[in-house]
C-alpha atoms as a PDB file:
ATOM      1  CA  MET A   1       0.130  -0.008  -0.003  1.00  0.00           C
ATOM      2  CA  PHE A   2       2.665   2.633  -1.131  1.00  0.00           C
ATOM      3  CA  ASN A   3       0.247   4.750  -2.979  1.00  0.00           C
ATOM      4  CA  PRO A   4      -3.276   3.352  -2.733  1.00  0.00           C
ATOM      5  CA  SER A   5      -6.259   4.848  -4.469  1.00  0.00           C
ATOM      6  CA  ARG A   6      -9.100   6.071  -2.421  1.00  0.00           C
ATOM      7  CA  ASP A   7     -11.055   2.999  -2.995  1.00  0.00           C
ATOM      8  CA  GLN A   8      -8.290   0.750  -2.289  1.00  0.00           C
ATOM      9  CA  ALA A   9      -7.378   2.428   1.100  1.00  0.00           C
ATOM     10  CA  ARG A  10     -10.976   2.129   2.043  1.00  0.00           C
ATOM     11  CA  ARG A  11     -11.263  -1.437   1.047  1.00  0.00           C
ATOM     12  CA  PHE A  12      -8.248  -2.132   3.219  1.00  0.00           C
ATOM     13  CA  PHE A  13      -9.976  -0.808   6.467  1.00  0.00           C
ATOM     14  CA  ILE A  14     -13.103  -2.565   5.618  1.00  0.00           C
ATOM     15  CA  ASP A  15     -11.524  -5.825   4.886  1.00  0.00           C
ATOM     16  CA  ALA A  16      -9.153  -5.685   7.807  1.00  0.00           C
ATOM     17  CA  TRP A  17     -12.139  -4.981  10.083  1.00  0.00           C
ATOM     18  CA  GLN A  18     -14.190  -7.801   8.686  1.00  0.00           C
ATOM     19  CA  LYS A  19     -11.294 -10.201   8.968  1.00  0.00           C
ATOM     20  CA  PHE A  20     -10.694  -9.160  12.552  1.00  0.00           C
ATOM     21  CA  ARG A  21     -14.425  -9.676  13.505  1.00  0.00           C
ATOM     22  CA  GLN A  22     -14.377 -13.097  11.744  1.00  0.00           C
ATOM     23  CA  HIS A  23     -11.166 -14.072  13.507  1.00  0.00           C
ATOM     24  CA  THR A  24      -9.522 -14.633  10.125  1.00  0.00           C
ATOM     25  CA  PRO A  25      -5.621 -14.314  10.175  1.00  0.00           C
ATOM     26  CA  LEU A  26      -4.432 -10.767   9.631  1.00  0.00           C
ATOM     27  CA  VAL A  27      -1.128  -9.472   8.106  1.00  0.00           C
ATOM     28  CA  PRO A  28       0.639  -7.256  10.379  1.00  0.00           C
ATOM     29  CA  LEU A  29      -0.612  -4.053   8.785  1.00  0.00           C
ATOM     30  CA  GLU A  30      -4.154  -5.377   8.958  1.00  0.00           C
ATOM     31  CA  GLN A  31      -3.598  -6.061  12.518  1.00  0.00           C
ATOM     32  CA  VAL A  32      -2.585  -2.575  13.337  1.00  0.00           C
ATOM     33  CA  ALA A  33      -5.545  -1.223  11.368  1.00  0.00           C
ATOM     34  CA  ALA A  34      -8.079  -3.421  13.182  1.00  0.00           C
ATOM     35  CA  GLU A  35      -6.590  -2.222  16.534  1.00  0.00           C
ATOM     36  CA  LEU A  36      -7.049   1.365  15.452  1.00  0.00           C
ATOM     37  CA  ILE A  37     -10.622   0.651  14.395  1.00  0.00           C
ATOM     38  CA  GLU A  38     -11.161  -0.943  17.805  1.00  0.00           C
ATOM     39  CA  GLN A  39     -10.360   2.211  19.422  1.00  0.00           C
ATOM     40  CA  HIS A  40     -12.865   4.021  17.361  1.00  0.00           C
ATOM     41  CA  PRO A  41     -16.247   2.348  18.111  1.00  0.00           C
ATOM     42  CA  GLU A  42     -17.966   5.284  16.391  1.00  0.00           C
ATOM     43  CA  TYR A  43     -16.753   3.910  13.122  1.00  0.00           C
ATOM     44  CA  HIS A  44     -17.538   0.243  13.473  1.00  0.00           C
ATOM     45  CA  GLY A  45     -21.149   0.443  11.986  1.00  0.00           C
ATOM     46  CA  LEU A  46     -19.854   2.028   9.047  1.00  0.00           C
ATOM     47  CA  LEU A  47     -16.824  -0.283   8.464  1.00  0.00           C
ATOM     48  CA  ASP A  48     -19.466  -3.026   8.964  1.00  0.00           C
ATOM     49  CA  ASP A  49     -21.097  -1.862   5.756  1.00  0.00           C
ATOM     50  CA  PRO A  50     -19.014  -2.581   2.456  1.00  0.00           C
ATOM     51  CA  GLU A  51     -21.099   0.100   0.650  1.00  0.00           C
ATOM     52  CA  SER A  52     -19.575   2.769   2.873  1.00  0.00           C
ATOM     53  CA  ALA A  53     -16.472   2.789   0.839  1.00  0.00           C
ATOM     54  CA  GLU A  54     -18.468   4.725  -1.719  1.00  0.00           C
ATOM     55  CA  LYS A  55     -19.768   7.452   0.761  1.00  0.00           C
ATOM     56  CA  ASP A  56     -18.636  10.954   0.650  1.00  0.00           C
ATOM     57  CA  PHE A  57     -17.703  12.848   3.730  1.00  0.00           C
ATOM     58  CA  SER A  58     -17.978  16.460   3.483  1.00  0.00           C
ATOM     59  CA  PRO A  59     -16.217  19.012   5.922  1.00  0.00           C
ATOM     60  CA  GLU A  60     -18.794  21.675   4.976  1.00  0.00           C
ATOM     61  CA  ASP A  61     -21.344  19.316   6.477  1.00  0.00           C
ATOM     62  CA  GLY A  62     -19.392  18.937   9.658  1.00  0.00           C
ATOM     63  CA  GLN A  63     -18.434  15.305   8.722  1.00  0.00           C
ATOM     64  CA  ILE A  64     -15.233  13.890   9.731  1.00  0.00           C
ATOM     65  CA  ASN A  65     -13.981  11.322   7.064  1.00  0.00           C
ATOM     66  CA  PRO A  66     -13.364   8.187   9.189  1.00  0.00           C
ATOM     67  CA  PHE A  67     -11.118   6.654   6.350  1.00  0.00           C
ATOM     68  CA  LEU A  68      -8.932   9.724   6.430  1.00  0.00           C
ATOM     69  CA  HIS A  69      -8.778   9.730  10.290  1.00  0.00           C
ATOM     70  CA  LEU A  70      -7.864   6.046  10.215  1.00  0.00           C
ATOM     71  CA  SER A  71      -5.208   6.636   7.528  1.00  0.00           C
ATOM     72  CA  LEU A  72      -3.698   9.500   9.402  1.00  0.00           C
ATOM     73  CA  HIS A  73      -3.579   7.072  12.538  1.00  0.00           C
ATOM     74  CA  LEU A  74      -1.967   4.273  10.537  1.00  0.00           C
ATOM     75  CA  ALA A  75       0.770   6.766   9.026  1.00  0.00           C
ATOM     76  CA  ILE A  76       1.483   8.003  12.416  1.00  0.00           C
ATOM     77  CA  HIS A  77       1.883   4.502  13.774  1.00  0.00           C
ATOM     78  CA  GLU A  78       4.618   3.925  10.958  1.00  0.00           C
ATOM     79  CA  GLN A  79       6.196   7.283  11.700  1.00  0.00           C
ATOM     80  CA  LEU A  80       6.502   6.626  15.418  1.00  0.00           C
ATOM     81  CA  SER A  81       7.893   2.934  14.959  1.00  0.00           C
ATOM     82  CA  ILE A  82      10.973   4.542  12.786  1.00  0.00           C
ATOM     83  CA  ASP A  83      11.107   7.925  14.486  1.00  0.00           C
ATOM     84  CA  GLN A  84      10.474   9.766  11.119  1.00  0.00           C
ATOM     85  CA  PRO A  85      10.430  12.579  11.014  1.00  0.00           C
ATOM     86  CA  PRO A  86      13.364  12.655  13.528  1.00  0.00           C
ATOM     87  CA  GLY A  87      12.145  13.817  16.887  1.00  0.00           C
ATOM     88  CA  LEU A  88       8.555  12.759  16.445  1.00  0.00           C
ATOM     89  CA  ARG A  89       8.603   9.937  18.914  1.00  0.00           C
ATOM     90  CA  ALA A  90      10.041  12.163  21.674  1.00  0.00           C
ATOM     91  CA  ALA A  91       7.496  14.796  20.951  1.00  0.00           C
ATOM     92  CA  TYR A  92       4.839  12.191  21.071  1.00  0.00           C
ATOM     93  CA  ASP A  93       6.223  10.851  24.359  1.00  0.00           C
ATOM     94  CA  ALA A  94       5.928  14.264  25.796  1.00  0.00           C
ATOM     95  CA  CYS A  95       2.081  14.431  24.684  1.00  0.00           C
ATOM     96  CA  LEU A  96       1.722  11.068  26.356  1.00  0.00           C
ATOM     97  CA  ALA A  97       3.342  12.095  29.455  1.00  0.00           C
ATOM     98  CA  VAL A  98       0.966  14.990  29.903  1.00  0.00           C
ATOM     99  CA  ARG A  99      -2.066  13.270  28.544  1.00  0.00           C
ATOM    100  CA  GLY A 100      -1.609  10.004  30.319  1.00  0.00           C
ATOM    101  CA  ASP A 101      -3.723   8.412  27.616  1.00  0.00           C
ATOM    102  CA  ARG A 102      -2.121   6.886  24.419  1.00  0.00           C
ATOM    103  CA  HIS A 103      -5.178   7.582  22.369  1.00  0.00           C
ATOM    104  CA  ALA A 104      -5.438  11.227  23.264  1.00  0.00           C
ATOM    105  CA  ALA A 105      -1.816  11.694  22.668  1.00  0.00           C
ATOM    106  CA  LEU A 106      -2.100  10.100  19.269  1.00  0.00           C
ATOM    107  CA  HIS A 107      -4.888  12.457  18.478  1.00  0.00           C
ATOM    108  CA  ASP A 108      -2.519  15.405  19.286  1.00  0.00           C
ATOM    109  CA  VAL A 109      -0.137  14.017  16.683  1.00  0.00           C
ATOM    110  CA  LEU A 110      -2.986  13.380  14.357  1.00  0.00           C
ATOM    111  CA  GLU A 111      -4.072  17.045  14.565  1.00  0.00           C
ATOM    112  CA  CYS A 112      -0.573  18.180  13.794  1.00  0.00           C
ATOM    113  CA  LEU A 113      -0.194  15.870  10.864  1.00  0.00           C
ATOM    114  CA  GLY A 114      -3.651  16.882   9.354  1.00  0.00           C
ATOM    115  CA  GLU A 115      -2.565  20.560   9.753  1.00  0.00           C
ATOM    116  CA  THR A 116       1.032  19.896   8.125  1.00  0.00           C
ATOM    117  CA  ILE A 117      -0.544  18.140   5.148  1.00  0.00           C
ATOM    118  CA  TRP A 118      -3.250  20.762   4.720  1.00  0.00           C
ATOM    119  CA  GLN A 119      -0.482  23.567   4.813  1.00  0.00           C
ATOM    120  CA  ALA A 120       1.459  21.525   2.159  1.00  0.00           C
ATOM    121  CA  GLN A 121      -1.549  21.394  -0.133  1.00  0.00           C
ATOM    122  CA  ARG A 122      -2.360  24.968   0.301  1.00  0.00           C
ATOM    123  CA  SER A 123       1.130  26.115  -0.622  1.00  0.00           C
ATOM    124  CA  GLY A 124       1.868  23.389  -3.151  1.00  0.00           C
ATOM    125  CA  ALA A 125       5.148  22.294  -1.317  1.00  0.00           C
ATOM    126  CA  ALA A 126       6.317  19.240   0.365  1.00  0.00           C
ATOM    127  CA  PRO A 127       5.073  18.783   3.906  1.00  0.00           C
ATOM    128  CA  ASP A 128       7.396  20.521   6.419  1.00  0.00           C
ATOM    129  CA  ALA A 129       8.600  17.775   8.675  1.00  0.00           C
ATOM    130  CA  VAL A 130      10.343  20.284  11.125  1.00  0.00           C
ATOM    131  CA  ALA A 131       7.189  22.330  11.701  1.00  0.00           C
ATOM    132  CA  TYR A 132       5.148  19.041  12.035  1.00  0.00           C
ATOM    133  CA  VAL A 133       7.350  17.927  14.997  1.00  0.00           C
ATOM    134  CA  GLU A 134       7.558  21.352  16.411  1.00  0.00           C
ATOM    135  CA  ALA A 135       3.777  21.403  16.263  1.00  0.00           C
ATOM    136  CA  VAL A 136       3.499  18.109  18.217  1.00  0.00           C
ATOM    137  CA  TRP A 137       6.004  19.653  20.884  1.00  0.00           C
ATOM    138  CA  ARG A 138       3.632  22.723  21.200  1.00  0.00           C
ATOM    139  CA  ARG A 139       0.607  20.332  21.664  1.00  0.00           C
ATOM    140  CA  SER A 140       2.446  18.590  24.529  1.00  0.00           C
ATOM    141  CA  ARG A 141       2.886  22.034  26.353  1.00  0.00           C
ATOM    142  CA  LEU A 142      -0.729  22.820  25.821  1.00  0.00           C
ATOM    143  CA  ALA A 143      -2.388  19.417  26.721  1.00  0.00           C
END
Protein backbone atom coordinates (compact mmCIF):
# COMPACT_ATOMS: atom_id res chain seq x y z
CA MET A 1 0.00 0.00 0.00
CA PHE A 2 2.55 2.58 -1.04
CA ASN A 3 0.18 4.72 -3.07
CA PRO A 4 -3.31 3.25 -2.87
CA SER A 5 -6.29 4.82 -4.54
CA ARG A 6 -9.08 6.16 -2.37
CA ASP A 7 -11.09 3.01 -2.99
CA GLN A 8 -8.16 0.69 -2.23
CA ALA A 9 -7.44 2.46 1.06
CA ARG A 10 -11.08 2.31 2.08
CA ARG A 11 -11.36 -1.37 1.12
CA PHE A 12 -8.23 -2.10 3.15
CA PHE A 13 -9.88 -0.79 6.34
CA ILE A 14 -13.22 -2.46 5.64
CA ASP A 15 -11.53 -5.78 4.83
CA ALA A 16 -9.19 -5.64 7.83
CA TRP A 17 -12.16 -4.98 10.12
CA GLN A 18 -14.19 -7.78 8.57
CA LYS A 19 -11.30 -10.25 8.89
CA PHE A 20 -10.73 -9.17 12.50
CA ARG A 21 -14.40 -9.68 13.39
CA GLN A 22 -14.41 -13.09 11.69
CA HIS A 23 -11.20 -14.11 13.52
CA THR A 24 -9.46 -14.61 10.18
CA PRO A 25 -5.65 -14.32 10.20
CA LEU A 26 -4.41 -10.79 9.56
CA VAL A 27 -1.15 -9.59 8.09
CA PRO A 28 0.69 -7.19 10.44
CA LEU A 29 -0.59 -4.00 8.79
CA GLU A 30 -4.17 -5.30 8.92
CA GLN A 31 -3.67 -6.09 12.62
CA VAL A 32 -2.58 -2.51 13.27
CA ALA A 33 -5.57 -1.22 11.29
CA ALA A 34 -7.97 -3.46 13.23
CA GLU A 35 -6.53 -2.25 16.54
CA LEU A 36 -7.00 1.36 15.42
CA ILE A 37 -10.57 0.64 14.37
CA GLU A 38 -11.23 -1.02 17.73
CA GLN A 39 -10.28 2.27 19.39
CA HIS A 40 -12.94 4.06 17.33
CA PRO A 41 -16.29 2.43 18.09
CA GLU A 42 -18.01 5.34 16.36
CA TYR A 43 -16.75 3.90 13.05
CA HIS A 44 -17.70 0.24 13.62
CA GLY A 45 -21.14 0.45 12.01
CA LEU A 46 -19.75 2.26 9.01
CA LEU A 47 -16.97 -0.28 8.52
CA ASP A 48 -19.43 -3.15 8.88
CA ASP A 49 -21.09 -1.90 5.69
CA PRO A 50 -19.07 -2.59 2.51
CA GLU A 51 -21.09 0.09 0.71
CA SER A 52 -19.56 2.74 2.97
CA ALA A 53 -16.49 2.77 0.73
CA GLU A 54 -18.56 4.82 -1.73
CA LYS A 55 -19.75 7.41 0.80
CA ASP A 56 -18.57 11.00 0.58
CA PHE A 57 -17.75 12.92 3.74
CA SER A 58 -18.02 16.67 3.54
CA PRO A 59 -16.22 18.93 6.02
CA GLU A 60 -18.72 21.62 5.04
CA ASP A 61 -21.43 19.37 6.50
CA GLY A 62 -19.41 18.92 9.68
CA GLN A 63 -18.50 15.35 8.78
CA ILE A 64 -15.19 13.76 9.68
CA ASN A 65 -13.95 11.31 7.09
CA PRO A 66 -13.36 8.13 9.12
CA PHE A 67 -11.17 6.65 6.39
CA LEU A 68 -8.93 9.71 6.40
CA HIS A 69 -8.84 9.68 10.19
CA LEU A 70 -7.80 6.00 10.28
CA SER A 71 -5.27 6.55 7.48
CA LEU A 72 -3.64 9.34 9.47
CA HIS A 73 -3.55 7.08 12.52
CA LEU A 74 -1.88 4.37 10.44
CA ALA A 75 0.67 6.83 9.05
CA ILE A 76 1.49 8.03 12.56
CA HIS A 77 1.89 4.44 13.75
CA GLU A 78 4.51 3.90 11.04
CA GLN A 79 6.21 7.25 11.69
CA LEU A 80 6.53 6.53 15.40
CA SER A 81 7.87 3.03 14.76
CA ILE A 82 10.86 4.47 12.87
CA ASP A 83 10.98 7.94 14.46
CA GLN A 84 10.43 9.73 11.16
CA PRO A 85 10.52 12.61 10.95
CA PRO A 86 13.33 12.63 13.50
CA GLY A 87 12.18 13.73 16.93
CA LEU A 88 8.54 12.77 16.41
CA ARG A 89 8.70 9.91 18.92
CA ALA A 90 10.09 12.19 21.64
CA ALA A 91 7.43 14.81 20.93
CA TYR A 92 4.73 12.12 21.05
CA ASP A 93 6.18 10.80 24.32
CA ALA A 94 5.90 14.31 25.75
CA CYS A 95 2.23 14.44 24.74
CA LEU A 96 1.71 11.02 26.27
CA ALA A 97 3.36 12.07 29.53
CA VAL A 98 1.04 15.07 29.81
CA ARG A 99 -2.12 13.35 28.61
CA GLY A 100 -1.57 10.03 30.34
CA ASP A 101 -3.63 8.41 27.59
CA ARG A 102 -2.11 6.86 24.48
CA HIS A 103 -5.07 7.51 22.21
CA ALA A 104 -5.41 11.15 23.28
CA ALA A 105 -1.69 11.69 22.66
CA LEU A 106 -2.03 10.08 19.22
CA HIS A 107 -4.87 12.48 18.45
CA ASP A 108 -2.57 15.37 19.34
CA VAL A 109 -0.11 14.09 16.74
CA LEU A 110 -2.93 13.45 14.28
CA GLU A 111 -4.10 17.06 14.53
CA CYS A 112 -0.57 18.25 13.78
CA LEU A 113 -0.15 15.86 10.85
CA GLY A 114 -3.47 16.93 9.38
CA GLU A 115 -2.49 20.59 9.67
CA THR A 116 0.91 19.88 8.12
CA ILE A 117 -0.67 18.11 5.16
CA TRP A 118 -3.25 20.86 4.73
CA GLN A 119 -0.53 23.54 4.75
CA ALA A 120 1.50 21.59 2.18
CA GLN A 121 -1.50 21.21 -0.12
CA ARG A 122 -2.38 24.86 0.29
CA SER A 123 1.12 26.05 -0.53
CA GLY A 124 1.87 23.42 -3.17
CA ALA A 125 5.03 22.45 -1.28
CA ALA A 126 6.25 19.29 0.41
CA PRO A 127 5.10 18.78 4.00
CA ASP A 128 7.38 20.59 6.46
CA ALA A 129 8.67 17.81 8.72
CA VAL A 130 10.37 20.21 11.13
CA ALA A 131 7.21 22.29 11.56
CA TYR A 132 5.23 19.07 12.09
CA VAL A 133 7.46 17.90 14.94
CA GLU A 134 7.53 21.39 16.45
CA ALA A 135 3.72 21.48 16.36
CA VAL A 136 3.57 18.18 18.27
CA TRP A 137 5.97 19.61 20.86
CA ARG A 138 3.72 22.68 21.19
CA ARG A 139 0.71 20.41 21.70
CA SER A 140 2.52 18.64 24.51
CA ARG A 141 2.90 21.95 26.30
CA LEU A 142 -0.75 22.89 25.77
CA ALA A 143 -2.28 19.54 26.71
